[in-house]
């Protein structure tokens, strides 16, 4: 059995604000054309990913090696199940 102690020692109180590098849940989402996706697939790769929730896409200028996605009615990702909302709002709502 693998040693999971390192995972347990780095846990933060989930009521604290989200921080860069926090682990995202692998939840079902939909793209703008309605295609089913998984959040992990969206985040996968050797690049940085900025995930905005209910924000204007133009709020952040494009940068090299940064993938920017926004969740919500004005975004490129739809959270029909509410999983992303629940994850973001644990600390911020």
Protein backbone atom coordinates (compact mmCIF):
# COMPACT_ATOMS: atom_id res chain seq x y z
CA UNK A 1 0.00 0.00 0.00
CA UNK A 2 1.44 3.44 -0.92
CA UNK A 3 2.38 5.87 1.81
CA UNK A 4 -0.29 8.57 1.86
CA UNK A 5 1.00 10.46 4.89
CA UNK A 6 2.33 13.31 2.74
CA UNK A 7 -1.15 13.90 1.35
CA UNK A 8 -2.65 14.08 4.80
CA UNK A 9 -0.08 16.49 6.24
CA UNK A 10 -0.65 19.10 3.52
CA UNK A 11 -4.39 19.42 3.94
CA UNK A 12 -5.70 22.87 4.66
CA UNK A 13 -8.97 23.82 6.21
CA UNK A 14 -11.42 23.69 3.27
CA UNK A 15 -13.19 26.79 4.57
CA UNK A 16 -10.10 28.88 3.72
CA UNK A 17 -9.91 30.71 0.41
CA UNK A 18 -8.76 28.83 -2.66
CA UNK A 19 -5.13 29.32 -3.56
CA UNK A 20 -3.06 28.80 -6.68
CA UNK A 21 -2.04 25.17 -6.85
CA UNK A 22 -5.07 23.83 -4.97
CA UNK A 23 -6.28 20.52 -6.35
CA UNK A 24 -9.42 20.78 -8.44
CA UNK A 25 -12.07 18.07 -8.43
CA UNK A 26 -12.56 15.94 -11.54
CA UNK A 27 -16.15 16.82 -12.34
CA UNK A 28 -18.33 16.72 -15.45
CA UNK A 29 -18.61 19.99 -17.38
CA UNK A 30 -19.83 21.03 -20.83
CA UNK A 31 -18.14 23.07 -23.52
CA UNK A 32 -19.80 25.91 -25.42
CA UNK A 33 -21.08 23.54 -28.11
CA UNK A 34 -22.60 21.29 -25.44
CA UNK A 35 -19.97 18.58 -25.67
CA UNK A 36 -19.37 16.68 -22.42
CA UNK A 37 -15.94 17.13 -20.87
CA UNK A 38 -14.12 16.46 -17.61
CA UNK A 39 -12.46 19.24 -15.65
CA UNK A 40 -9.22 17.23 -15.35
CA UNK A 41 -8.96 17.01 -19.15
CA UNK A 42 -9.34 20.78 -19.36
CA UNK A 43 -6.52 21.26 -16.86
CA UNK A 44 -4.26 18.53 -18.26
CA UNK A 45 -0.96 19.49 -19.81
CA UNK A 46 2.35 21.16 -19.19
CA UNK A 47 0.80 24.63 -19.25
CA UNK A 48 -0.67 26.89 -16.60
CA UNK A 49 -4.46 27.05 -16.49
CA UNK A 50 -6.47 29.93 -15.09
CA UNK A 51 -10.06 29.00 -14.31
CA UNK A 52 -12.40 31.92 -13.73
CA UNK A 53 -15.88 31.47 -12.32
CA UNK A 54 -18.61 33.90 -13.43
CA UNK A 55 -16.08 36.49 -14.61
CA UNK A 56 -15.51 38.42 -17.82
CA UNK A 57 -13.04 36.58 -20.08
CA UNK A 58 -11.37 39.87 -21.00
CA UNK A 59 -10.44 40.52 -17.36
CA UNK A 60 -7.12 38.71 -17.95
CA UNK A 61 -4.94 39.38 -20.97
CA UNK A 62 -3.68 36.35 -22.90
CA UNK A 63 -0.21 35.16 -21.95
CA UNK A 64 2.14 32.61 -23.41
CA UNK A 65 1.67 29.10 -21.96
CA UNK A 66 -1.45 30.16 -20.05
CA UNK A 67 -4.79 28.59 -20.91
CA UNK A 68 -7.69 30.73 -19.71
CA UNK A 69 -11.16 29.27 -19.26
CA UNK A 70 -14.23 30.82 -17.73
CA UNK A 71 -17.14 28.97 -16.18
CA UNK A 72 -20.64 30.42 -16.39
CA UNK A 73 -23.18 31.90 -18.76
CA UNK A 74 -20.56 34.16 -20.39
CA UNK A 75 -17.84 31.53 -20.32
CA UNK A 76 -16.57 28.71 -22.48
CA UNK A 77 -17.41 26.08 -19.84
CA UNK A 78 -20.84 25.28 -18.41
CA UNK A 79 -21.25 23.80 -14.93
CA UNK A 80 -24.73 22.27 -15.26
CA UNK A 81 -24.25 20.01 -12.25
CA UNK A 82 -23.04 22.81 -9.95
CA UNK A 83 -19.92 20.89 -8.93
CA UNK A 84 -17.50 23.67 -9.90
CA UNK A 85 -19.70 26.24 -8.14
CA UNK A 86 -19.72 24.13 -4.99
CA UNK A 87 -15.93 23.73 -5.09
CA UNK A 88 -15.33 27.46 -5.61
CA UNK A 89 -17.99 28.54 -3.12
CA UNK A 90 -16.76 26.35 -0.27
CA UNK A 91 -14.39 29.16 0.56
CA UNK A 92 -15.71 32.20 -1.24
CA UNK A 93 -19.52 32.36 -0.96
